[in-house]
């Protein structure tokens, strides 16, 4: 099997790879970021924040509030879910019988 350099792919394809890796785990993303300057630059683009799975971050790791805000601004699904749950229980909407 022949191997190829990911850097030989067009930048659009590289960006898609980074987005998919971001959806897998933070560990994979930071491993990719550490691999080279080009991957680090692609991983720091704001579009990548849309694909993070914030719910998979271990509780022992404190997620920086700035990252959470950025993910929320990018309409990240897991941060939207977290905000929705927070809103639901903050305003006691569970007592309004909205579950049925």
PDB file of N, CA and C in Angstrom:
ATOM      1  N   UNK A   1       0.845  -1.176   0.000  1.00  0.00           N
ATOM      2  CA  UNK A   1       0.000   0.000   0.000  1.00  0.00           C
ATOM      3  C   UNK A   1       0.886   1.233   0.000  1.00  0.00           C
ATOM      4  N   UNK A   2       0.621   2.129  -0.923  1.00  0.00           N
ATOM      5  CA  UNK A   2       1.383   3.368  -0.992  1.00  0.00           C
ATOM      6  C   UNK A   2       0.765   4.403  -0.064  1.00  0.00           C
ATOM      7  N   UNK A   3       1.629   5.179   0.553  1.00  0.00           N
ATOM      8  CA  UNK A   3       1.182   6.261   1.418  1.00  0.00           C
ATOM      9  C   UNK A   3       1.309   7.577   0.677  1.00  0.00           C
ATOM     10  N   UNK A   4       0.493   8.527   1.031  1.00  0.00           N
ATOM     11  CA  UNK A   4       0.584   9.846   0.424  1.00  0.00           C
ATOM     12  C   UNK A   4       0.562  10.887   1.533  1.00  0.00           C
ATOM     13  N   UNK A   5       1.103  12.025   1.232  1.00  0.00           N
ATOM     14  CA  UNK A   5       1.126  13.126   2.188  1.00  0.00           C
ATOM     15  C   UNK A   5      -0.214  13.843   2.154  1.00  0.00           C
ATOM     16  N   UNK A   6      -0.784  14.071   3.313  1.00  0.00           N
ATOM     17  CA  UNK A   6      -2.057  14.792   3.371  1.00  0.00           C
ATOM     18  C   UNK A   6      -1.879  16.217   2.866  1.00  0.00           C
ATOM     19  N   UNK A   7      -0.672  16.737   2.984  1.00  0.00           N
ATOM     20  CA  UNK A   7      -0.411  18.103   2.533  1.00  0.00           C
ATOM     21  C   UNK A   7      -0.418  18.222   1.014  1.00  0.00           C
ATOM     22  N   UNK A   8      -0.395  17.095   0.314  1.00  0.00           N
ATOM     23  CA  UNK A   8      -0.472  17.123  -1.144  1.00  0.00           C
ATOM     24  C   UNK A   8      -1.910  17.289  -1.636  1.00  0.00           C
ATOM     25  N   UNK A   9      -2.866  17.114  -0.755  1.00  0.00           N
ATOM     26  CA  UNK A   9      -4.270  17.299  -1.125  1.00  0.00           C
ATOM     27  C   UNK A   9      -4.587  18.785  -1.236  1.00  0.00           C
ATOM     28  N   UNK A  10      -5.627  19.144  -1.976  1.00  0.00           N
ATOM     29  CA  UNK A  10      -6.042  20.554  -2.023  1.00  0.00           C
ATOM     30  C   UNK A  10      -6.450  21.036  -0.627  1.00  0.00           C
ATOM     31  N   UNK A  11      -6.327  22.328  -0.397  1.00  0.00           N
ATOM     32  CA  UNK A  11      -6.604  22.885   0.931  1.00  0.00           C
ATOM     33  C   UNK A  11      -8.047  22.643   1.372  1.00  0.00           C
ATOM     34  N   UNK A  12      -8.988  22.634   0.435  1.00  0.00           N
ATOM     35  CA  UNK A  12     -10.383  22.386   0.793  1.00  0.00           C
ATOM     36  C   UNK A  12     -10.553  20.982   1.373  1.00  0.00           C
ATOM     37  N   UNK A  13      -9.864  20.010   0.777  1.00  0.00           N
ATOM     38  CA  UNK A  13      -9.935  18.627   1.264  1.00  0.00           C
ATOM     39  C   UNK A  13      -9.246  18.522   2.619  1.00  0.00           C
ATOM     40  N   UNK A  14      -8.122  19.206   2.783  1.00  0.00           N
ATOM     41  CA  UNK A  14      -7.436  19.211   4.075  1.00  0.00           C
ATOM     42  C   UNK A  14      -8.354  19.778   5.155  1.00  0.00           C
ATOM     43  N   UNK A  15      -9.083  20.839   4.834  1.00  0.00           N
ATOM     44  CA  UNK A  15     -10.007  21.443   5.802  1.00  0.00           C
ATOM     45  C   UNK A  15     -11.115  20.460   6.174  1.00  0.00           C
ATOM     46  N   UNK A  16     -11.619  19.701   5.205  1.00  0.00           N
ATOM     47  CA  UNK A  16     -12.639  18.693   5.500  1.00  0.00           C
ATOM     48  C   UNK A  16     -12.096  17.603   6.420  1.00  0.00           C
ATOM     49  N   UNK A  17     -10.850  17.208   6.196  1.00  0.00           N
ATOM     50  CA  UNK A  17     -10.217  16.205   7.058  1.00  0.00           C
ATOM     51  C   UNK A  17     -10.123  16.728   8.486  1.00  0.00           C
ATOM     52  N   UNK A  18      -9.699  17.971   8.642  1.00  0.00           N
ATOM     53  CA  UNK A  18      -9.571  18.567   9.974  1.00  0.00           C
ATOM     54  C   UNK A  18     -10.936  18.646  10.649  1.00  0.00           C
ATOM     55  N   UNK A  19     -11.978  18.997   9.906  1.00  0.00           N
ATOM     56  CA  UNK A  19     -13.322  19.066  10.478  1.00  0.00           C
ATOM     57  C   UNK A  19     -13.795  17.698  10.952  1.00  0.00           C
ATOM     58  N   UNK A  20     -13.514  16.661  10.192  1.00  0.00           N
ATOM     59  CA  UNK A  20     -13.914  15.302  10.589  1.00  0.00           C
ATOM     60  C   UNK A  20     -13.139  14.844  11.816  1.00  0.00           C
ATOM     61  N   UNK A  21     -11.865  15.167  11.860  1.00  0.00           N
ATOM     62  CA  UNK A  21     -11.054  14.813  13.030  1.00  0.00           C
ATOM     63  C   UNK A  21     -11.573  15.546  14.260  1.00  0.00           C
ATOM     64  N   UNK A  22     -11.971  16.805  14.097  1.00  0.00           N
ATOM     65  CA  UNK A  22     -12.523  17.579  15.218  1.00  0.00           C
ATOM     66  C   UNK A  22     -13.797  16.932  15.741  1.00  0.00           C
ATOM     67  N   UNK A  23     -14.563  16.315  14.877  1.00  0.00           N
ATOM     68  CA  UNK A  23     -15.776  15.638  15.301  1.00  0.00           C
ATOM     69  C   UNK A  23     -15.516  14.346  16.045  1.00  0.00           C
ATOM     70  N   UNK A  24     -14.330  13.758  15.845  1.00  0.00           N
ATOM     71  CA  UNK A  24     -13.998  12.509  16.535  1.00  0.00           C
ATOM     72  C   UNK A  24     -13.681  12.741  18.002  1.00  0.00           C
ATOM     73  N   UNK A  25     -12.665  13.552  18.270  1.00  0.00           N
ATOM     74  CA  UNK A  25     -12.290  13.815  19.662  1.00  0.00           C
ATOM     75  C   UNK A  25     -11.299  14.966  19.713  1.00  0.00           C
ATOM     76  N   UNK A  26     -11.237  15.575  20.894  1.00  0.00           N
ATOM     77  CA  UNK A  26     -10.266  16.638  21.109  1.00  0.00           C
ATOM     78  C   UNK A  26      -8.848  16.089  21.030  1.00  0.00           C
ATOM     79  N   UNK A  27      -8.651  14.880  21.522  1.00  0.00           N
ATOM     80  CA  UNK A  27      -7.318  14.272  21.507  1.00  0.00           C
ATOM     81  C   UNK A  27      -6.818  14.116  20.082  1.00  0.00           C
ATOM     82  N   UNK A  28      -7.670  13.617  19.202  1.00  0.00           N
ATOM     83  CA  UNK A  28      -7.281  13.461  17.801  1.00  0.00           C
ATOM     84  C   UNK A  28      -6.983  14.810  17.159  1.00  0.00           C
ATOM     85  N   UNK A  29      -7.810  15.800  17.474  1.00  0.00           N
ATOM     86  CA  UNK A  29      -7.613  17.123  16.886  1.00  0.00           C
ATOM     87  C   UNK A  29      -6.295  17.734  17.340  1.00  0.00           C
ATOM     88  N   UNK A  30      -6.002  17.640  18.628  1.00  0.00           N
ATOM     89  CA  UNK A  30      -4.755  18.226  19.107  1.00  0.00           C
ATOM     90  C   UNK A  30      -3.540  17.448  18.621  1.00  0.00           C
ATOM     91  N   UNK A  31      -3.689  16.149  18.395  1.00  0.00           N
ATOM     92  CA  UNK A  31      -2.616  15.387  17.767  1.00  0.00           C
ATOM     93  C   UNK A  31      -2.373  15.846  16.340  1.00  0.00           C
ATOM     94  N   UNK A  32      -3.449  16.116  15.625  1.00  0.00           N
ATOM     95  CA  UNK A  32      -3.330  16.624  14.257  1.00  0.00           C
ATOM     96  C   UNK A  32      -2.719  18.016  14.249  1.00  0.00           C
ATOM     97  N   UNK A  33      -3.150  18.857  15.197  1.00  0.00           N
ATOM     98  CA  UNK A  33      -2.594  20.217  15.289  1.00  0.00           C
ATOM     99  C   UNK A  33      -1.092  20.190  15.536  1.00  0.00           C
ATOM    100  N   UNK A  34      -0.644  19.218  16.312  1.00  0.00           N
ATOM    101  CA  UNK A  34       0.777  19.139  16.647  1.00  0.00           C
ATOM    102  C   UNK A  34       1.618  18.580  15.507  1.00  0.00           C
ATOM    103  N   UNK A  35       0.975  18.049  14.475  1.00  0.00           N
ATOM    104  CA  UNK A  35       1.730  17.391  13.410  1.00  0.00           C
ATOM    105  C   UNK A  35       2.489  18.362  12.509  1.00  0.00           C
ATOM    106  N   UNK A  36       1.908  19.510  12.194  1.00  0.00           N
ATOM    107  CA  UNK A  36       2.618  20.488  11.362  1.00  0.00           C
ATOM    108  C   UNK A  36       1.914  21.839  11.433  1.00  0.00           C
ATOM    109  N   UNK A  37       2.589  22.866  10.943  1.00  0.00           N
ATOM    110  CA  UNK A  37       2.050  24.229  10.997  1.00  0.00           C
ATOM    111  C   UNK A  37       0.794  24.384  10.148  1.00  0.00           C
ATOM    112  N   UNK A  38       0.766  23.710   9.017  1.00  0.00           N
ATOM    113  CA  UNK A  38      -0.391  23.821   8.133  1.00  0.00           C
ATOM    114  C   UNK A  38      -1.643  23.261   8.797  1.00  0.00           C
ATOM    115  N   UNK A  39      -1.508  22.098   9.431  1.00  0.00           N
ATOM    116  CA  UNK A  39      -2.652  21.498  10.116  1.00  0.00           C
ATOM    117  C   UNK A  39      -3.077  22.344  11.312  1.00  0.00           C
ATOM    118  N   UNK A  40      -2.112  22.940  11.993  1.00  0.00           N
ATOM    119  CA  UNK A  40      -2.445  23.812  13.124  1.00  0.00           C
ATOM    120  C   UNK A  40      -3.247  25.013  12.635  1.00  0.00           C
ATOM    121  N   UNK A  41      -2.827  25.597  11.519  1.00  0.00           N
ATOM    122  CA  UNK A  41      -3.543  26.749  10.966  1.00  0.00           C
ATOM    123  C   UNK A  41      -4.963  26.361  10.552  1.00  0.00           C
ATOM    124  N   UNK A  42      -5.119  25.191   9.945  1.00  0.00           N
ATOM    125  CA  UNK A  42      -6.453  24.739   9.547  1.00  0.00           C
ATOM    126  C   UNK A  42      -7.327  24.435  10.767  1.00  0.00           C
ATOM    127  N   UNK A  43      -6.723  23.904  11.825  1.00  0.00           N
ATOM    128  CA  UNK A  43      -7.484  23.564  13.034  1.00  0.00           C
ATOM    129  C   UNK A  43      -7.910  24.796  13.812  1.00  0.00           C
ATOM    130  N   UNK A  44      -7.250  25.906  13.597  1.00  0.00           N
ATOM    131  CA  UNK A  44      -7.590  27.129  14.317  1.00  0.00           C
ATOM    132  C   UNK A  44      -8.648  27.957  13.595  1.00  0.00           C
ATOM    133  N   UNK A  45      -9.056  27.515  12.433  1.00  0.00           N
ATOM    134  CA  UNK A  45     -10.123  28.222  11.726  1.00  0.00           C
ATOM    135  C   UNK A  45     -11.420  28.054  12.496  1.00  0.00           C
ATOM    136  N   UNK A  46     -12.243  29.080  12.473  1.00  0.00           N
ATOM    137  CA  UNK A  46     -13.457  29.062  13.293  1.00  0.00           C
ATOM    138  C   UNK A  46     -14.445  27.982  12.859  1.00  0.00           C
ATOM    139  N   UNK A  47     -14.462  27.612  11.615  1.00  0.00           N
ATOM    140  CA  UNK A  47     -15.421  26.614  11.128  1.00  0.00           C
ATOM    141  C   UNK A  47     -15.246  25.269  11.824  1.00  0.00           C
ATOM    142  N   UNK A  48     -14.053  24.981  12.284  1.00  0.00           N
ATOM    143  CA  UNK A  48     -13.773  23.709  12.949  1.00  0.00           C
ATOM    144  C   UNK A  48     -14.561  23.600  14.251  1.00  0.00           C
ATOM    145  N   UNK A  49     -14.808  24.728  14.912  1.00  0.00           N
ATOM    146  CA  UNK A  49     -15.531  24.713  16.185  1.00  0.00           C
ATOM    147  C   UNK A  49     -16.946  24.160  16.043  1.00  0.00           C
ATOM    148  N   UNK A  50     -17.498  24.241  14.873  1.00  0.00           N
ATOM    149  CA  UNK A  50     -18.842  23.714  14.643  1.00  0.00           C
ATOM    150  C   UNK A  50     -18.881  22.193  14.817  1.00  0.00           C
ATOM    151  N   UNK A  51     -17.759  21.523  14.613  1.00  0.00           N
ATOM    152  CA  UNK A  51     -17.722  20.066  14.601  1.00  0.00           C
ATOM    153  C   UNK A  51     -17.246  19.440  15.904  1.00  0.00           C
ATOM    154  N   UNK A  52     -16.785  20.239  16.875  1.00  0.00           N
ATOM    155  CA  UNK A  52     -16.349  19.677  18.153  1.00  0.00           C
ATOM    156  C   UNK A  52     -17.483  18.915  18.812  1.00  0.00           C
ATOM    157  N   UNK A  53     -17.134  17.833  19.477  1.00  0.00           N
ATOM    158  CA  UNK A  53     -18.102  17.141  20.321  1.00  0.00           C
ATOM    159  C   UNK A  53     -17.789  17.514  21.761  1.00  0.00           C
ATOM    160  N   UNK A  54     -18.386  18.595  22.210  1.00  0.00           N
ATOM    161  CA  UNK A  54     -18.105  19.143  23.533  1.00  0.00           C
ATOM    162  C   UNK A  54     -18.523  18.166  24.626  1.00  0.00           C
ATOM    163  N   UNK A  55     -19.538  17.356  24.376  1.00  0.00           N
ATOM    164  CA  UNK A  55     -20.014  16.410  25.382  1.00  0.00           C
ATOM    165  C   UNK A  55     -19.029  15.282  25.644  1.00  0.00           C
ATOM    166  N   UNK A  56     -18.083  15.065  24.749  1.00  0.00           N
ATOM    167  CA  UNK A  56     -17.105  13.995  24.947  1.00  0.00           C
ATOM    168  C   UNK A  56     -15.866  14.457  25.703  1.00  0.00           C
ATOM    169  N   UNK A  57     -15.812  15.727  26.071  1.00  0.00           N
ATOM    170  CA  UNK A  57     -14.665  16.235  26.829  1.00  0.00           C
ATOM    171  C   UNK A  57     -14.755  15.682  28.243  1.00  0.00           C
ATOM    172  N   UNK A  58     -13.701  15.032  28.734  1.00  0.00           N
ATOM    173  CA  UNK A  58     -13.738  14.510  30.108  1.00  0.00           C
ATOM    174  C   UNK A  58     -13.969  15.627  31.122  1.00  0.00           C
ATOM    175  N   UNK A  59     -14.741  15.336  32.145  1.00  0.00           N
ATOM    176  CA  UNK A  59     -15.085  16.334  33.157  1.00  0.00           C
ATOM    177  C   UNK A  59     -13.859  16.863  33.891  1.00  0.00           C
ATOM    178  N   UNK A  60     -12.809  16.043  33.988  1.00  0.00           N
ATOM    179  CA  UNK A  60     -11.615  16.501  34.711  1.00  0.00           C
ATOM    180  C   UNK A  60     -10.880  17.608  33.953  1.00  0.00           C
ATOM    181  N   UNK A  61     -11.159  17.721  32.662  1.00  0.00           N
ATOM    182  CA  UNK A  61     -10.579  18.799  31.869  1.00  0.00           C
ATOM    183  C   UNK A  61     -11.556  19.967  31.850  1.00  0.00           C
ATOM    184  N   UNK A  62     -11.106  21.076  32.292  1.00  0.00           N
ATOM    185  CA  UNK A  62     -11.965  22.255  32.276  1.00  0.00           C
ATOM    186  C   UNK A  62     -11.920  22.889  30.893  1.00  0.00           C
ATOM    187  N   UNK A  63     -13.058  22.931  30.249  1.00  0.00           N
ATOM    188  CA  UNK A  63     -13.143  23.551  28.932  1.00  0.00           C
ATOM    189  C   UNK A  63     -13.133  25.059  29.112  1.00  0.00           C
ATOM    190  N   UNK A  64     -12.227  25.754  28.439  1.00  0.00           N
ATOM    191  CA  UNK A  64     -12.177  27.215  28.579  1.00  0.00           C
ATOM    192  C   UNK A  64     -13.503  27.847  28.157  1.00  0.00           C
ATOM    193  N   UNK A  65     -13.988  28.808  28.927  1.00  0.00           N
ATOM    194  CA  UNK A  65     -15.268  29.453  28.581  1.00  0.00           C
ATOM    195  C   UNK A  65     -15.251  30.099  27.199  1.00  0.00           C
ATOM    196  N   UNK A  66     -14.084  30.595  26.774  1.00  0.00           N
ATOM    197  CA  UNK A  66     -13.993  31.220  25.448  1.00  0.00           C
ATOM    198  C   UNK A  66     -14.274  30.199  24.350  1.00  0.00           C
ATOM    199  N   UNK A  67     -13.762  28.982  24.537  1.00  0.00           N
ATOM    200  CA  UNK A  67     -13.991  27.937  23.546  1.00  0.00           C
ATOM    201  C   UNK A  67     -15.473  27.560  23.507  1.00  0.00           C
ATOM    202  N   UNK A  68     -16.088  27.478  24.669  1.00  0.00           N
ATOM    203  CA  UNK A  68     -17.518  27.173  24.728  1.00  0.00           C
ATOM    204  C   UNK A  68     -18.324  28.251  24.007  1.00  0.00           C
ATOM    205  N   UNK A  69     -17.990  29.513  24.240  1.00  0.00           N
ATOM    206  CA  UNK A  69     -18.704  30.619  23.592  1.00  0.00           C
ATOM    207  C   UNK A  69     -18.503  30.597  22.082  1.00  0.00           C
ATOM    208  N   UNK A  70     -17.286  30.288  21.659  1.00  0.00           N
ATOM    209  CA  UNK A  70     -16.998  30.219  20.227  1.00  0.00           C
ATOM    210  C   UNK A  70     -17.776  29.079  19.578  1.00  0.00           C
ATOM    211  N   UNK A  71     -17.803  27.930  20.241  1.00  0.00           N
ATOM    212  CA  UNK A  71     -18.560  26.795  19.709  1.00  0.00           C
ATOM    213  C   UNK A  71     -20.044  27.127  19.630  1.00  0.00           C
ATOM    214  N   UNK A  72     -20.560  27.816  20.640  1.00  0.00           N
ATOM    215  CA  UNK A  72     -21.976  28.192  20.645  1.00  0.00           C
ATOM    216  C   UNK A  72     -22.273  29.170  19.508  1.00  0.00           C
ATOM    217  N   UNK A  73     -21.371  30.106  19.280  1.00  0.00           N
ATOM    218  CA  UNK A  73     -21.549  31.078  18.197  1.00  0.00           C
ATOM    219  C   UNK A  73     -21.513  30.397  16.829  1.00  0.00           C
ATOM    220  N   UNK A  74     -20.776  29.293  16.727  1.00  0.00           N
ATOM    221  CA  UNK A  74     -20.688  28.537  15.469  1.00  0.00           C
ATOM    222  C   UNK A  74     -21.847  27.555  15.303  1.00  0.00           C
ATOM    223  N   UNK A  75     -22.815  27.594  16.219  1.00  0.00           N
ATOM    224  CA  UNK A  75     -23.991  26.720  16.183  1.00  0.00           C
ATOM    225  C   UNK A  75     -23.603  25.250  16.330  1.00  0.00           C
ATOM    226  N   UNK A  76     -22.634  24.989  17.201  1.00  0.00           N
ATOM    227  CA  UNK A  76     -22.201  23.632  17.509  1.00  0.00           C
ATOM    228  C   UNK A  76     -23.357  22.888  18.171  1.00  0.00           C
ATOM    229  N   UNK A  77     -23.656  21.686  17.692  1.00  0.00           N
ATOM    230  CA  UNK A  77     -24.830  20.965  18.172  1.00  0.00           C
ATOM    231  C   UNK A  77     -24.756  20.613  19.650  1.00  0.00           C
ATOM    232  N   UNK A  78     -23.595  20.185  20.131  1.00  0.00           N
ATOM    233  CA  UNK A  78     -23.514  19.800  21.538  1.00  0.00           C
ATOM    234  C   UNK A  78     -23.618  21.008  22.467  1.00  0.00           C
ATOM    235  N   UNK A  79     -23.094  22.160  22.059  1.00  0.00           N
ATOM    236  CA  UNK A  79     -23.238  23.346  22.906  1.00  0.00           C
ATOM    237  C   UNK A  79     -24.672  23.871  22.862  1.00  0.00           C
ATOM    238  N   UNK A  80     -25.342  23.754  21.725  1.00  0.00           N
ATOM    239  CA  UNK A  80     -26.757  24.131  21.661  1.00  0.00           C
ATOM    240  C   UNK A  80     -27.593  23.242  22.581  1.00  0.00           C
ATOM    241  N   UNK A  81     -27.265  21.954  22.599  1.00  0.00           N
ATOM    242  CA  UNK A  81     -27.966  21.022  23.484  1.00  0.00           C
ATOM    243  C   UNK A  81     -27.737  21.401  24.949  1.00  0.00           C
ATOM    244  N   UNK A  82     -26.487  21.674  25.310  1.00  0.00           N
ATOM    245  CA  UNK A  82     -26.171  22.031  26.693  1.00  0.00           C
ATOM    246  C   UNK A  82     -26.894  23.308  27.110  1.00  0.00           C
ATOM    247  N   UNK A  83     -26.914  24.300  26.229  1.00  0.00           N
ATOM    248  CA  UNK A  83     -27.608  25.549  26.538  1.00  0.00           C
ATOM    249  C   UNK A  83     -29.118  25.318  26.658  1.00  0.00           C
ATOM    250  N   UNK A  84     -29.664  24.468  25.817  1.00  0.00           N
ATOM    251  CA  UNK A  84     -31.086  24.163  25.893  1.00  0.00           C
ATOM    252  C   UNK A  84     -31.462  23.486  27.202  1.00  0.00           C
ATOM    253  N   UNK A  85     -30.651  22.531  27.628  1.00  0.00           N
ATOM    254  CA  UNK A  85     -30.898  21.851  28.901  1.00  0.00           C
ATOM    255  C   UNK A  85     -30.770  22.837  30.054  1.00  0.00           C
ATOM    256  N   UNK A  86     -29.746  23.676  29.992  1.00  0.00           N
ATOM    257  CA  UNK A  86     -29.558  24.687  31.037  1.00  0.00           C
ATOM    258  C   UNK A  86     -30.776  25.619  31.096  1.00  0.00           C
ATOM    259  N   UNK A  87     -31.233  26.071  29.965  1.00  0.00           N
ATOM    260  CA  UNK A  87     -32.402  26.949  29.894  1.00  0.00           C
ATOM    261  C   UNK A  87     -33.647  26.251  30.441  1.00  0.00           C
ATOM    262  N   UNK A  88     -33.820  24.998  30.055  1.00  0.00           N
ATOM    263  CA  UNK A  88     -34.987  24.217  30.463  1.00  0.00           C
ATOM    264  C   UNK A  88     -35.086  24.111  31.980  1.00  0.00           C
ATOM    265  N   UNK A  89     -33.960  23.786  32.632  1.00  0.00           N
ATOM    266  CA  UNK A  89     -33.997  23.593  34.077  1.00  0.00           C
ATOM    267  C   UNK A  89     -33.840  24.895  34.857  1.00  0.00           C
ATOM    268  N   UNK A  90     -33.226  25.903  34.271  1.00  0.00           N
ATOM    269  CA  UNK A  90     -33.085  27.185  34.961  1.00  0.00           C
ATOM    270  C   UNK A  90     -34.439  27.845  35.163  1.00  0.00           C
ATOM    271  N   UNK A  91     -35.293  27.754  34.181  1.00  0.00           N
ATOM    272  CA  UNK A  91     -36.593  28.410  34.252  1.00  0.00           C
ATOM    273  C   UNK A  91     -37.721  27.452  34.642  1.00  0.00           C
ATOM    274  N   UNK A  92     -37.356  26.293  35.196  1.00  0.00           N
ATOM    275  CA  UNK A  92     -38.327  25.306  35.687  1.00  0.00           C
ATOM    276  C   UNK A  92     -39.388  24.952  34.649  1.00  0.00           C
ATOM    277  N   UNK A  93     -38.967  24.802  33.418  1.00  0.00           N
ATOM    278  CA  UNK A  93     -39.920  24.462  32.360  1.00  0.00           C
ATOM    279  C   UNK A  93     -40.400  23.017  32.454  1.00  0.00           C
ATOM    280  N   UNK A  94     -39.676  22.184  33.214  1.00  0.00           N
ATOM    281  CA  UNK A  94     -40.115  20.801  33.360  1.00  0.00           C
ATOM    282  C   UNK A  94     -41.433  20.724  34.125  1.00  0.00           C
ATOM    283  N   UNK A  95     -41.732  21.747  34.918  1.00  0.00           N
ATOM    284  CA  UNK A  95     -42.994  21.781  35.655  1.00  0.00           C
ATOM    285  C   UNK A  95     -44.155  22.233  34.770  1.00  0.00           C
ATOM    286  N   UNK A  96     -43.867  22.771  33.614  1.00  0.00           N
ATOM    287  CA  UNK A  96     -44.909  23.251  32.703  1.00  0.00           C
ATOM    288  C   UNK A  96     -45.496  22.131  31.852  1.00  0.00           C
ATOM    289  N   UNK A  97     -45.070  20.903  32.107  1.00  0.00           N
ATOM    290  CA  UNK A  97     -45.544  19.734  31.380  1.00  0.00           C
ATOM    291  C   UNK A  97     -45.225  19.839  29.890  1.00  0.00           C
ATOM    292  N   UNK A  98     -44.015  20.288  29.591  1.00  0.00           N
ATOM    293  CA  UNK A  98     -43.578  20.387  28.199  1.00  0.00           C
ATOM    294  C   UNK A  98     -42.989  19.076  27.698  1.00  0.00           C
ATOM    295  N   UNK A  99     -42.862  18.100  28.579  1.00  0.00           N
ATOM    296  CA  UNK A  99     -42.280  16.828  28.177  1.00  0.00           C
ATOM    297  C   UNK A  99     -43.266  15.961  27.400  1.00  0.00           C
ATOM    298  N   UNK A 100     -44.535  16.236  27.499  1.00  0.00           N
ATOM    299  CA  UNK A 100     -45.512  15.385  26.808  1.00  0.00           C
ATOM    300  C   UNK A 100     -45.948  15.982  25.490  1.00  0.00           C
TER     301      UNK A 100
END
